[in-house]
Amino acid sequence: MLTKDEAYRPINCDDYDNLELACQNNWLLTLALKDGEQLKAKAVDMFLSKKVEYLSIEIAGEERNLRLDHIASFSHPDLGTVVVSESD
């Protein structure tokens, strides 16, 4: 199980840029998390808190924040499927 206390591992810059694009367009993403959870959610914003980067999503009117390093992949018809990798 993924915890909030584990060390943050920055994601690849291209993957980060694709998430930013999704937020700018408020795209509905299909997300797969590393713990196996599958989500369909609107990309809202990205932010940094205590040196950890997050994606803010909206599901059924509820906001949720996902650590970027907990996202295994995300997809959208205009983007295809992006498998998230760690920064070099």
PDB file of N, CA and C in Angstrom:
ATOM      1  N   MET A   1       0.839  -1.190   0.000  1.00  0.00           N
ATOM      2  CA  MET A   1       0.000   0.000   0.000  1.00  0.00           C
ATOM      3  C   MET A   1       0.884   1.254   0.000  1.00  0.00           C
ATOM      4  N   LEU A   2       0.454   2.256  -0.693  1.00  0.00           N
ATOM      5  CA  LEU A   2       1.202   3.503  -0.770  1.00  0.00           C
ATOM      6  C   LEU A   2       0.838   4.381   0.416  1.00  0.00           C
ATOM      7  N   THR A   3       1.841   5.022   0.993  1.00  0.00           N
ATOM      8  CA  THR A   3       1.576   5.884   2.146  1.00  0.00           C
ATOM      9  C   THR A   3       2.026   7.302   1.858  1.00  0.00           C
ATOM     10  N   LYS A   4       1.482   8.235   2.629  1.00  0.00           N
ATOM     11  CA  LYS A   4       1.871   9.633   2.468  1.00  0.00           C
ATOM     12  C   LYS A   4       3.276   9.896   2.981  1.00  0.00           C
ATOM     13  N   ASP A   5       3.779   9.011   3.836  1.00  0.00           N
ATOM     14  CA  ASP A   5       5.066   9.260   4.474  1.00  0.00           C
ATOM     15  C   ASP A   5       6.269   8.807   3.649  1.00  0.00           C
ATOM     16  N   GLU A   6       6.047   8.035   2.592  1.00  0.00           N
ATOM     17  CA  GLU A   6       7.178   7.579   1.806  1.00  0.00           C
ATOM     18  C   GLU A   6       7.808   8.754   1.064  1.00  0.00           C
ATOM     19  N   ALA A   7       9.105   8.615   0.739  1.00  0.00           N
ATOM     20  CA  ALA A   7       9.824   9.690   0.052  1.00  0.00           C
ATOM     21  C   ALA A   7       9.206   9.929  -1.326  1.00  0.00           C
ATOM     22  N   TYR A   8       9.036  11.194  -1.667  1.00  0.00           N
ATOM     23  CA  TYR A   8       8.459  11.551  -2.964  1.00  0.00           C
ATOM     24  C   TYR A   8       9.490  11.355  -4.059  1.00  0.00           C
ATOM     25  N   ARG A   9       9.048  10.770  -5.174  1.00  0.00           N
ATOM     26  CA  ARG A   9       9.909  10.592  -6.338  1.00  0.00           C
ATOM     27  C   ARG A   9       9.308  11.389  -7.493  1.00  0.00           C
ATOM     28  N   PRO A  10       9.973  12.471  -7.917  1.00  0.00           N
ATOM     29  CA  PRO A  10       9.444  13.291  -9.018  1.00  0.00           C
ATOM     30  C   PRO A  10       9.211  12.453 -10.272  1.00  0.00           C
ATOM     31  N   ILE A  11       8.163  12.822 -11.032  1.00  0.00           N
ATOM     32  CA  ILE A  11       7.876  12.097 -12.269  1.00  0.00           C
ATOM     33  C   ILE A  11       8.588  12.771 -13.444  1.00  0.00           C
ATOM     34  N   ASN A  12       8.660  12.052 -14.536  1.00  0.00           N
ATOM     35  CA  ASN A  12       9.284  12.518 -15.769  1.00  0.00           C
ATOM     36  C   ASN A  12       8.651  13.844 -16.221  1.00  0.00           C
ATOM     37  N   CYS A  13       9.445  14.760 -16.722  1.00  0.00           N
ATOM     38  CA  CYS A  13       8.965  16.094 -17.125  1.00  0.00           C
ATOM     39  C   CYS A  13       7.887  16.034 -18.204  1.00  0.00           C
ATOM     40  N   ASP A  14       8.023  15.126 -19.181  1.00  0.00           N
ATOM     41  CA  ASP A  14       7.012  15.009 -20.234  1.00  0.00           C
ATOM     42  C   ASP A  14       5.672  14.572 -19.654  1.00  0.00           C
ATOM     43  N   ASP A  15       5.708  13.636 -18.710  1.00  0.00           N
ATOM     44  CA  ASP A  15       4.476  13.171 -18.066  1.00  0.00           C
ATOM     45  C   ASP A  15       3.838  14.312 -17.273  1.00  0.00           C
ATOM     46  N   TYR A  16       4.663  15.086 -16.596  1.00  0.00           N
ATOM     47  CA  TYR A  16       4.185  16.247 -15.833  1.00  0.00           C
ATOM     48  C   TYR A  16       3.513  17.247 -16.782  1.00  0.00           C
ATOM     49  N   ASP A  17       4.159  17.516 -17.908  1.00  0.00           N
ATOM     50  CA  ASP A  17       3.605  18.462 -18.891  1.00  0.00           C
ATOM     51  C   ASP A  17       2.252  17.982 -19.422  1.00  0.00           C
ATOM     52  N   ASN A  18       2.119  16.672 -19.641  1.00  0.00           N
ATOM     53  CA  ASN A  18       0.846  16.129 -20.114  1.00  0.00           C
ATOM     54  C   ASN A  18      -0.247  16.289 -19.067  1.00  0.00           C
ATOM     55  N   LEU A  19       0.095  16.138 -17.784  1.00  0.00           N
ATOM     56  CA  LEU A  19      -0.894  16.355 -16.719  1.00  0.00           C
ATOM     57  C   LEU A  19      -1.281  17.834 -16.651  1.00  0.00           C
ATOM     58  N   GLU A  20      -0.304  18.724 -16.847  1.00  0.00           N
ATOM     59  CA  GLU A  20      -0.615  20.166 -16.880  1.00  0.00           C
ATOM     60  C   GLU A  20      -1.581  20.486 -18.015  1.00  0.00           C
ATOM     61  N   LEU A  21      -1.346  19.902 -19.173  1.00  0.00           N
ATOM     62  CA  LEU A  21      -2.229  20.098 -20.321  1.00  0.00           C
ATOM     63  C   LEU A  21      -3.637  19.606 -20.000  1.00  0.00           C
ATOM     64  N   ALA A  22      -3.729  18.475 -19.342  1.00  0.00           N
ATOM     65  CA  ALA A  22      -5.034  17.923 -18.949  1.00  0.00           C
ATOM     66  C   ALA A  22      -5.764  18.877 -18.005  1.00  0.00           C
ATOM     67  N   CYS A  23      -5.032  19.494 -17.087  1.00  0.00           N
ATOM     68  CA  CYS A  23      -5.642  20.452 -16.158  1.00  0.00           C
ATOM     69  C   CYS A  23      -6.109  21.711 -16.896  1.00  0.00           C
ATOM     70  N   GLN A  24      -5.288  22.212 -17.802  1.00  0.00           N
ATOM     71  CA  GLN A  24      -5.644  23.420 -18.549  1.00  0.00           C
ATOM     72  C   GLN A  24      -6.931  23.221 -19.348  1.00  0.00           C
ATOM     73  N   ASN A  25      -7.154  21.981 -19.801  1.00  0.00           N
ATOM     74  CA  ASN A  25      -8.330  21.678 -20.620  1.00  0.00           C
ATOM     75  C   ASN A  25      -9.454  21.022 -19.820  1.00  0.00           C
ATOM     76  N   ASN A  26      -9.239  20.857 -18.508  1.00  0.00           N
ATOM     77  CA  ASN A  26     -10.229  20.181 -17.648  1.00  0.00           C
ATOM     78  C   ASN A  26     -10.670  18.842 -18.233  1.00  0.00           C
ATOM     79  N   TRP A  27      -9.699  18.074 -18.725  1.00  0.00           N
ATOM     80  CA  TRP A  27      -9.997  16.792 -19.350  1.00  0.00           C
ATOM     81  C   TRP A  27     -10.468  15.774 -18.329  1.00  0.00           C
ATOM     82  N   LEU A  28     -11.366  14.900 -18.771  1.00  0.00           N
ATOM     83  CA  LEU A  28     -11.768  13.744 -17.985  1.00  0.00           C
ATOM     84  C   LEU A  28     -10.745  12.651 -18.280  1.00  0.00           C
ATOM     85  N   LEU A  29      -9.975  12.293 -17.272  1.00  0.00           N
ATOM     86  CA  LEU A  29      -8.919  11.302 -17.432  1.00  0.00           C
ATOM     87  C   LEU A  29      -9.342   9.958 -16.871  1.00  0.00           C
ATOM     88  N   THR A  30      -8.815   8.908 -17.470  1.00  0.00           N
ATOM     89  CA  THR A  30      -8.879   7.586 -16.877  1.00  0.00           C
ATOM     90  C   THR A  30      -7.520   7.390 -16.214  1.00  0.00           C
ATOM     91  N   LEU A  31      -7.528   7.198 -14.909  1.00  0.00           N
ATOM     92  CA  LEU A  31      -6.288   7.100 -14.139  1.00  0.00           C
ATOM     93  C   LEU A  31      -6.149   5.709 -13.528  1.00  0.00           C
ATOM     94  N   ALA A  32      -4.938   5.179 -13.557  1.00  0.00           N
ATOM     95  CA  ALA A  32      -4.613   3.935 -12.855  1.00  0.00           C
ATOM     96  C   ALA A  32      -3.572   4.301 -11.808  1.00  0.00           C
ATOM     97  N   LEU A  33      -3.866   3.982 -10.561  1.00  0.00           N
ATOM     98  CA  LEU A  33      -2.919   4.258  -9.491  1.00  0.00           C
ATOM     99  C   LEU A  33      -2.067   3.027  -9.218  1.00  0.00           C
ATOM    100  N   LYS A  34      -0.908   3.236  -8.634  1.00  0.00           N
ATOM    101  CA  LYS A  34       0.023   2.138  -8.383  1.00  0.00           C
ATOM    102  C   LYS A  34      -0.516   1.115  -7.393  1.00  0.00           C
ATOM    103  N   ASP A  35      -1.514   1.502  -6.592  1.00  0.00           N
ATOM    104  CA  ASP A  35      -2.105   0.544  -5.652  1.00  0.00           C
ATOM    105  C   ASP A  35      -3.226  -0.271  -6.292  1.00  0.00           C
ATOM    106  N   GLY A  36      -3.455  -0.063  -7.614  1.00  0.00           N
ATOM    107  CA  GLY A  36      -4.454  -0.829  -8.339  1.00  0.00           C
ATOM    108  C   GLY A  36      -5.786  -0.119  -8.522  1.00  0.00           C
ATOM    109  N   GLU A  37      -6.001   1.001  -7.837  1.00  0.00           N
ATOM    110  CA  GLU A  37      -7.257   1.737  -7.971  1.00  0.00           C
ATOM    111  C   GLU A  37      -7.379   2.329  -9.374  1.00  0.00           C
ATOM    112  N   GLN A  38      -8.576   2.271  -9.950  1.00  0.00           N
ATOM    113  CA  GLN A  38      -8.876   2.844 -11.266  1.00  0.00           C
ATOM    114  C   GLN A  38      -9.879   3.971 -11.063  1.00  0.00           C
ATOM    115  N   LEU A  39      -9.647   5.120 -11.702  1.00  0.00           N
ATOM    116  CA  LEU A  39     -10.520   6.282 -11.544  1.00  0.00           C
ATOM    117  C   LEU A  39     -10.808   6.926 -12.886  1.00  0.00           C
ATOM    118  N   LYS A  40     -11.999   7.508 -13.006  1.00  0.00           N
ATOM    119  CA  LYS A  40     -12.316   8.423 -14.104  1.00  0.00           C
ATOM    120  C   LYS A  40     -12.618   9.745 -13.417  1.00  0.00           C
ATOM    121  N   ALA A  41     -11.790  10.755 -13.687  1.00  0.00           N
ATOM    122  CA  ALA A  41     -11.920  12.013 -12.963  1.00  0.00           C
ATOM    123  C   ALA A  41     -11.470  13.182 -13.820  1.00  0.00           C
ATOM    124  N   LYS A  42     -12.036  14.357 -13.517  1.00  0.00           N
ATOM    125  CA  LYS A  42     -11.652  15.580 -14.216  1.00  0.00           C
ATOM    126  C   LYS A  42     -10.370  16.135 -13.601  1.00  0.00           C
ATOM    127  N   ALA A  43      -9.387  16.413 -14.449  1.00  0.00           N
ATOM    128  CA  ALA A  43      -8.140  17.037 -14.005  1.00  0.00           C
ATOM    129  C   ALA A  43      -8.413  18.509 -13.723  1.00  0.00           C
ATOM    130  N   VAL A  44      -8.103  18.969 -12.515  1.00  0.00           N
ATOM    131  CA  VAL A  44      -8.437  20.329 -12.108  1.00  0.00           C
ATOM    132  C   VAL A  44      -7.204  21.212 -11.975  1.00  0.00           C
ATOM    133  N   ASP A  45      -6.198  20.743 -11.230  1.00  0.00           N
ATOM    134  CA  ASP A  45      -5.042  21.597 -10.929  1.00  0.00           C
ATOM    135  C   ASP A  45      -3.879  20.725 -10.488  1.00  0.00           C
ATOM    136  N   MET A  46      -2.695  21.339 -10.461  1.00  0.00           N
ATOM    137  CA  MET A  46      -1.507  20.687  -9.922  1.00  0.00           C
ATOM    138  C   MET A  46      -0.893  21.640  -8.916  1.00  0.00           C
ATOM    139  N   PHE A  47      -0.372  21.083  -7.841  1.00  0.00           N
ATOM    140  CA  PHE A  47       0.232  21.939  -6.821  1.00  0.00           C
ATOM    141  C   PHE A  47       1.321  21.201  -6.067  1.00  0.00           C
ATOM    142  N   LEU A  48       2.110  21.980  -5.355  1.00  0.00           N
ATOM    143  CA  LEU A  48       3.225  21.477  -4.560  1.00  0.00           C
ATOM    144  C   LEU A  48       2.925  21.755  -3.098  1.00  0.00           C
ATOM    145  N   SER A  49       3.077  20.739  -2.255  1.00  0.00           N
ATOM    146  CA  SER A  49       2.890  20.899  -0.818  1.00  0.00           C
ATOM    147  C   SER A  49       3.945  20.083  -0.093  1.00  0.00           C
ATOM    148  N   LYS A  50       4.744  20.751   0.715  1.00  0.00           N
ATOM    149  CA  LYS A  50       5.803  20.094   1.494  1.00  0.00           C
ATOM    150  C   LYS A  50       6.699  19.227   0.601  1.00  0.00           C
ATOM    151  N   LYS A  51       7.100  19.803  -0.540  1.00  0.00           N
ATOM    152  CA  LYS A  51       8.020  19.185  -1.494  1.00  0.00           C
ATOM    153  C   LYS A  51       7.452  17.946  -2.182  1.00  0.00           C
ATOM    154  N   VAL A  52       6.126  17.815  -2.193  1.00  0.00           N
ATOM    155  CA  VAL A  52       5.451  16.719  -2.882  1.00  0.00           C
ATOM    156  C   VAL A  52       4.482  17.330  -3.894  1.00  0.00           C
ATOM    157  N   GLU A  53       4.519  16.821  -5.140  1.00  0.00           N
ATOM    158  CA  GLU A  53       3.643  17.332  -6.191  1.00  0.00           C
ATOM    159  C   GLU A  53       2.349  16.512  -6.243  1.00  0.00           C
ATOM    160  N   TYR A  54       1.243  17.236  -6.451  1.00  0.00           N
ATOM    161  CA  TYR A  54      -0.080  16.606  -6.460  1.00  0.00           C
ATOM    162  C   TYR A  54      -0.873  17.005  -7.688  1.00  0.00           C
ATOM    163  N   LEU A  55      -1.773  16.112  -8.105  1.00  0.00           N
ATOM    164  CA  LEU A  55      -2.788  16.391  -9.102  1.00  0.00           C
ATOM    165  C   LEU A  55      -4.112  16.467  -8.359  1.00  0.00           C
ATOM    166  N   SER A  56      -4.805  17.580  -8.524  1.00  0.00           N
ATOM    167  CA  SER A  56      -6.126  17.751  -7.940  1.00  0.00           C
ATOM    168  C   SER A  56      -7.142  17.296  -8.973  1.00  0.00           C
ATOM    169  N   ILE A  57      -8.016  16.356  -8.582  1.00  0.00           N
ATOM    170  CA  ILE A  57      -9.023  15.827  -9.490  1.00  0.00           C
ATOM    171  C   ILE A  57     -10.413  16.030  -8.891  1.00  0.00           C
ATOM    172  N   GLU A  58     -11.412  15.945  -9.749  1.00  0.00           N
ATOM    173  CA  GLU A  58     -12.795  16.050  -9.297  1.00  0.00           C
ATOM    174  C   GLU A  58     -13.552  14.802  -9.745  1.00  0.00           C
ATOM    175  N   ILE A  59     -14.179  14.136  -8.765  1.00  0.00           N
ATOM    176  CA  ILE A  59     -14.994  12.949  -9.030  1.00  0.00           C
ATOM    177  C   ILE A  59     -16.355  13.190  -8.404  1.00  0.00           C
ATOM    178  N   ALA A  60     -17.398  13.193  -9.222  1.00  0.00           N
ATOM    179  CA  ALA A  60     -18.779  13.374  -8.738  1.00  0.00           C
ATOM    180  C   ALA A  60     -18.897  14.580  -7.809  1.00  0.00           C
ATOM    181  N   GLY A  61     -18.245  15.694  -8.195  1.00  0.00           N
ATOM    182  CA  GLY A  61     -18.335  16.926  -7.414  1.00  0.00           C
ATOM    183  C   GLY A  61     -17.421  16.980  -6.201  1.00  0.00           C
ATOM    184  N   GLU A  62     -16.718  15.902  -5.917  1.00  0.00           N
ATOM    185  CA  GLU A  62     -15.790  15.850  -4.775  1.00  0.00           C
ATOM    186  C   GLU A  62     -14.365  16.048  -5.272  1.00  0.00           C
ATOM    187  N   GLU A  63     -13.581  16.853  -4.561  1.00  0.00           N
ATOM    188  CA  GLU A  63     -12.187  17.059  -4.931  1.00  0.00           C
ATOM    189  C   GLU A  63     -11.303  16.073  -4.175  1.00  0.00           C
ATOM    190  N   ARG A  64     -10.298  15.570  -4.878  1.00  0.00           N
ATOM    191  CA  ARG A  64      -9.341  14.629  -4.283  1.00  0.00           C
ATOM    192  C   ARG A  64      -7.957  14.986  -4.816  1.00  0.00           C
ATOM    193  N   ASN A  65      -6.945  14.817  -3.988  1.00  0.00           N
ATOM    194  CA  ASN A  65      -5.574  15.115  -4.389  1.00  0.00           C
ATOM    195  C   ASN A  65      -4.769  13.827  -4.471  1.00  0.00           C
ATOM    196  N   LEU A  66      -4.108  13.637  -5.603  1.00  0.00           N
ATOM    197  CA  LEU A  66      -3.297  12.442  -5.825  1.00  0.00           C
ATOM    198  C   LEU A  66      -1.828  12.830  -5.928  1.00  0.00           C
ATOM    199  N   ARG A  67      -0.989  12.135  -5.190  1.00  0.00           N
ATOM    200  CA  ARG A  67       0.454  12.330  -5.375  1.00  0.00           C
ATOM    201  C   ARG A  67       0.816  11.883  -6.776  1.00  0.00           C
ATOM    202  N   LEU A  68       1.628  12.675  -7.470  1.00  0.00           N
ATOM    203  CA  LEU A  68       1.989  12.332  -8.846  1.00  0.00           C
ATOM    204  C   LEU A  68       2.734  11.002  -8.912  1.00  0.00           C
ATOM    205  N   ASP A  69       3.554  10.706  -7.913  1.00  0.00           N
ATOM    206  CA  ASP A  69       4.316   9.457  -7.945  1.00  0.00           C
ATOM    207  C   ASP A  69       3.476   8.240  -7.567  1.00  0.00           C
ATOM    208  N   HIS A  70       2.192   8.434  -7.273  1.00  0.00           N
ATOM    209  CA  HIS A  70       1.286   7.311  -7.016  1.00  0.00           C
ATOM    210  C   HIS A  70       0.452   6.969  -8.242  1.00  0.00           C
ATOM    211  N   ILE A  71       0.623   7.759  -9.329  1.00  0.00           N
ATOM    212  CA  ILE A  71      -0.119   7.519 -10.570  1.00  0.00           C
ATOM    213  C   ILE A  71       0.710   6.595 -11.460  1.00  0.00           C
ATOM    214  N   ALA A  72       0.119   5.449 -11.847  1.00  0.00           N
ATOM    215  CA  ALA A  72       0.815   4.506 -12.729  1.00  0.00           C
ATOM    216  C   ALA A  72       0.652   4.914 -14.186  1.00  0.00           C
ATOM    217  N   SER A  73      -0.584   5.338 -14.549  1.00  0.00           N
ATOM    218  CA  SER A  73      -0.837   5.765 -15.917  1.00  0.00           C
ATOM    219  C   SER A  73      -2.097   6.632 -15.959  1.00  0.00           C
ATOM    220  N   PHE A  74      -2.241   7.363 -17.059  1.00  0.00           N
ATOM    221  CA  PHE A  74      -3.454   8.146 -17.280  1.00  0.00           C
ATOM    222  C   PHE A  74      -3.700   8.204 -18.773  1.00  0.00           C
ATOM    223  N   SER A  75      -4.982   8.382 -19.141  1.00  0.00           N
ATOM    224  CA  SER A  75      -5.286   8.425 -20.571  1.00  0.00           C
ATOM    225  C   SER A  75      -6.449   9.365 -20.859  1.00  0.00           C
ATOM    226  N   HIS A  76      -6.455   9.852 -22.099  1.00  0.00           N
ATOM    227  CA  HIS A  76      -7.496  10.724 -22.623  1.00  0.00           C
ATOM    228  C   HIS A  76      -7.452  10.562 -24.141  1.00  0.00           C
ATOM    229  N   PRO A  77      -8.620  10.622 -24.826  1.00  0.00           N
ATOM    230  CA  PRO A  77      -8.626  10.439 -26.289  1.00  0.00           C
ATOM    231  C   PRO A  77      -7.674  11.364 -27.054  1.00  0.00           C
ATOM    232  N   ASP A  78      -7.484  12.609 -26.595  1.00  0.00           N
ATOM    233  CA  ASP A  78      -6.586  13.536 -27.295  1.00  0.00           C
ATOM    234  C   ASP A  78      -5.112  13.302 -26.972  1.00  0.00           C
ATOM    235  N   LEU A  79      -4.858  12.468 -25.985  1.00  0.00           N
ATOM    236  CA  LEU A  79      -3.495  12.275 -25.485  1.00  0.00           C
ATOM    237  C   LEU A  79      -3.005  10.851 -25.666  1.00  0.00           C
ATOM    238  N   GLY A  80      -3.917   9.892 -25.672  1.00  0.00           N
ATOM    239  CA  GLY A  80      -3.533   8.482 -25.646  1.00  0.00           C
ATOM    240  C   GLY A  80      -3.278   8.080 -24.204  1.00  0.00           C
ATOM    241  N   THR A  81      -2.592   6.962 -24.028  1.00  0.00           N
ATOM    242  CA  THR A  81      -2.273   6.484 -22.684  1.00  0.00           C
ATOM    243  C   THR A  81      -0.830   6.827 -22.359  1.00  0.00           C
ATOM    244  N   VAL A  82      -0.633   7.420 -21.201  1.00  0.00           N
ATOM    245  CA  VAL A  82       0.706   7.788 -20.724  1.00  0.00           C
ATOM    246  C   VAL A  82       1.029   6.930 -19.508  1.00  0.00           C
ATOM    247  N   VAL A  83       2.090   6.144 -19.612  1.00  0.00           N
ATOM    248  CA  VAL A  83       2.580   5.377 -18.477  1.00  0.00           C
ATOM    249  C   VAL A  83       3.597   6.270 -17.764  1.00  0.00           C
ATOM    250  N   VAL A  84       3.308   6.591 -16.527  1.00  0.00           N
ATOM    251  CA  VAL A  84       4.128   7.541 -15.781  1.00  0.00           C
ATOM    252  C   VAL A  84       5.450   6.892 -15.375  1.00  0.00           C
ATOM    253  N   SER A  85       6.544   7.617 -15.633  1.00  0.00           N
ATOM    254  CA  SER A  85       7.859   7.154 -15.224  1.00  0.00           C
ATOM    255  C   SER A  85       8.495   8.193 -14.316  1.00  0.00           C
ATOM    256  N   GLU A  86       9.468   7.726 -13.538  1.00  0.00           N
ATOM    257  CA  GLU A  86      10.157   8.640 -12.624  1.00  0.00           C
ATOM    258  C   GLU A  86      11.149   9.487 -13.394  1.00  0.00           C
ATOM    259  N   SER A  87      11.450  10.644 -12.822  1.00  0.00           N
ATOM    260  CA  SER A  87      12.424  11.557 -13.404  1.00  0.00           C
ATOM    261  C   SER A  87      13.795  10.918 -13.398  1.00  0.00           C
ATOM    262  N   ASP A  88      14.589  11.220 -14.425  1.00  0.00           N
ATOM    263  CA  ASP A  88      15.958  10.673 -14.515  1.00  0.00           C
ATOM    264  C   ASP A  88      16.888  11.367 -13.566  1.00  0.00           C
TER     265      ASP A  88
END
